[in-house]
C-alpha atoms as a PDB file:
ATOM      1  CA  MET A   1      17.398  12.177  20.878  1.00  0.00           C
ATOM      2  CA  VAL A   2      20.712  10.453  20.318  1.00  0.00           C
ATOM      3  CA  THR A   3      20.814   6.884  19.077  1.00  0.00           C
ATOM      4  CA  ARG A   4      23.070   4.433  17.323  1.00  0.00           C
ATOM      5  CA  LEU A   5      22.208   2.760  14.036  1.00  0.00           C
ATOM      6  CA  ASP A   6      23.770  -0.536  13.172  1.00  0.00           C
ATOM      7  CA  GLY A   7      23.640  -2.983  10.323  1.00  0.00           C
ATOM      8  CA  PRO A   8      25.837  -5.350   8.370  1.00  0.00           C
ATOM      9  CA  SER A   9      26.915  -2.427   6.172  1.00  0.00           C
ATOM     10  CA  ALA A  10      26.864   1.365   6.208  1.00  0.00           C
ATOM     11  CA  GLU A  11      24.475   1.275   3.239  1.00  0.00           C
ATOM     12  CA  ILE A  12      21.939  -0.801   5.191  1.00  0.00           C
ATOM     13  CA  ALA A  13      22.262   1.467   8.244  1.00  0.00           C
ATOM     14  CA  ARG A  14      21.641   4.545   6.045  1.00  0.00           C
ATOM     15  CA  GLY A  15      18.633   2.722   4.588  1.00  0.00           C
ATOM     16  CA  LEU A  16      17.128   2.567   8.087  1.00  0.00           C
ATOM     17  CA  VAL A  17      17.156   6.356   8.194  1.00  0.00           C
ATOM     18  CA  ASP A  18      15.669   6.608   4.702  1.00  0.00           C
ATOM     19  CA  LYS A  19      12.848   4.221   5.653  1.00  0.00           C
ATOM     20  CA  ALA A  20      12.113   6.137   8.856  1.00  0.00           C
ATOM     21  CA  ILE A  21      11.898   9.440   6.938  1.00  0.00           C
ATOM     22  CA  GLU A  22       9.627   7.795   4.355  1.00  0.00           C
ATOM     23  CA  ALA A  23       7.307   6.490   7.091  1.00  0.00           C
ATOM     24  CA  GLU A  24       7.125   9.923   8.713  1.00  0.00           C
ATOM     25  CA  THR A  25       6.379  11.534   5.355  1.00  0.00           C
ATOM     26  CA  ASP A  26       3.973   9.003   3.827  1.00  0.00           C
ATOM     27  CA  GLY A  27       2.631   7.281   6.936  1.00  0.00           C
ATOM     28  CA  LEU A  28       3.294   3.833   8.234  1.00  0.00           C
ATOM     29  CA  TRP A  29       1.406   0.970   6.629  1.00  0.00           C
ATOM     30  CA  GLY A  30       1.605  -2.766   6.417  1.00  0.00           C
ATOM     31  CA  ARG A  31       0.696  -5.892   8.292  1.00  0.00           C
ATOM     32  CA  ALA A  32       1.861  -6.528  11.848  1.00  0.00           C
ATOM     33  CA  TYR A  33       2.801 -10.098  12.825  1.00  0.00           C
ATOM     34  CA  PHE A  34       3.013 -11.248  16.439  1.00  0.00           C
ATOM     35  CA  ASP A  35       4.188 -14.687  17.472  1.00  0.00           C
ATOM     36  CA  LEU A  36       2.873 -15.517  20.930  1.00  0.00           C
ATOM     37  CA  ARG A  37       3.816 -18.746  22.615  1.00  0.00           C
ATOM     38  CA  GLY A  38       1.459 -18.845  25.611  1.00  0.00           C
ATOM     39  CA  VAL A  39       4.483 -18.947  27.896  1.00  0.00           C
ATOM     40  CA  THR A  40       3.733 -19.535  31.574  1.00  0.00           C
ATOM     41  CA  ASP A  41       7.314 -19.673  32.902  1.00  0.00           C
ATOM     42  CA  PRO A  42       7.625 -16.635  35.225  1.00  0.00           C
ATOM     43  CA  GLY A  43      10.969 -15.716  33.681  1.00  0.00           C
ATOM     44  CA  TYR A  44       9.522 -15.469  30.162  1.00  0.00           C
ATOM     45  CA  LYS A  45       5.817 -14.655  30.657  1.00  0.00           C
ATOM     46  CA  PRO A  46       6.342 -10.864  30.911  1.00  0.00           C
ATOM     47  CA  GLY A  47       7.853 -10.896  27.417  1.00  0.00           C
ATOM     48  CA  ASP A  48       4.871 -12.780  26.019  1.00  0.00           C
ATOM     49  CA  ASP A  49       2.547 -10.319  27.783  1.00  0.00           C
ATOM     50  CA  TRP A  50       4.403  -7.348  26.238  1.00  0.00           C
ATOM     51  CA  ILE A  51       4.076  -8.879  22.775  1.00  0.00           C
ATOM     52  CA  ARG A  52       0.332  -9.452  23.327  1.00  0.00           C
ATOM     53  CA  ALA A  53      -0.101  -5.827  24.471  1.00  0.00           C
ATOM     54  CA  ALA A  54       1.758  -4.591  21.384  1.00  0.00           C
ATOM     55  CA  SER A  55      -0.534  -6.651  19.144  1.00  0.00           C
ATOM     56  CA  GLU A  56      -3.594  -5.136  20.826  1.00  0.00           C
ATOM     57  CA  ILE A  57      -2.238  -1.614  20.320  1.00  0.00           C
ATOM     58  CA  CYS A  58      -1.629  -2.303  16.630  1.00  0.00           C
ATOM     59  CA  GLN A  59      -5.160  -3.637  16.229  1.00  0.00           C
ATOM     60  CA  ARG A  60      -6.607  -0.534  17.935  1.00  0.00           C
ATOM     61  CA  LEU A  61      -4.548   1.706  15.637  1.00  0.00           C
ATOM     62  CA  GLY A  62      -6.073  -0.002  12.620  1.00  0.00           C
ATOM     63  CA  PHE A  63      -3.158  -2.104  11.422  1.00  0.00           C
ATOM     64  CA  GLU A  64      -3.969  -5.424   9.811  1.00  0.00           C
ATOM     65  CA  THR A  65      -2.680  -7.656  12.600  1.00  0.00           C
ATOM     66  CA  VAL A  66      -1.854 -11.356  12.576  1.00  0.00           C
ATOM     67  CA  VAL A  67      -1.491 -12.983  16.000  1.00  0.00           C
ATOM     68  CA  ASP A  68      -0.190 -16.543  16.041  1.00  0.00           C
ATOM     69  CA  GLU A  69      -0.647 -18.385  19.329  1.00  0.00           C
ATOM     70  CA  LYS A  70       0.482 -21.807  18.129  1.00  0.00           C
ATOM     71  CA  PRO A  71       3.539 -23.311  19.819  1.00  0.00           C
ATOM     72  CA  ARG A  72       5.522 -23.337  16.567  1.00  0.00           C
ATOM     73  CA  HIS A  73       7.249 -20.247  15.198  1.00  0.00           C
ATOM     74  CA  PHE A  74       6.136 -18.541  12.011  1.00  0.00           C
ATOM     75  CA  LEU A  75       7.592 -20.393   9.065  1.00  0.00           C
ATOM     76  CA  ARG A  76      10.175 -18.492   7.050  1.00  0.00           C
ATOM     77  CA  SER A  77       7.854 -18.663   4.027  1.00  0.00           C
ATOM     78  CA  PHE A  78       4.851 -17.247   5.983  1.00  0.00           C
ATOM     79  CA  ARG A  79       3.241 -14.177   4.395  1.00  0.00           C
END
């Protein structure tokens, strides 16, 4: 596979590779956050549906999963 890595600096882009190698070596762990909006507009609803499907996959795979369906976005301080 060929892909392009990008970031605000070469150091950050290299860090993406390091993190990917670490996840493949040690396993992926953490909490998954999904911000659903309950969008009904036909132009945006498919995106909301994709996000919901991704949250369901993460739950099935055993990740601790937080799904927010409130109209507001996650706050920057949310943990």
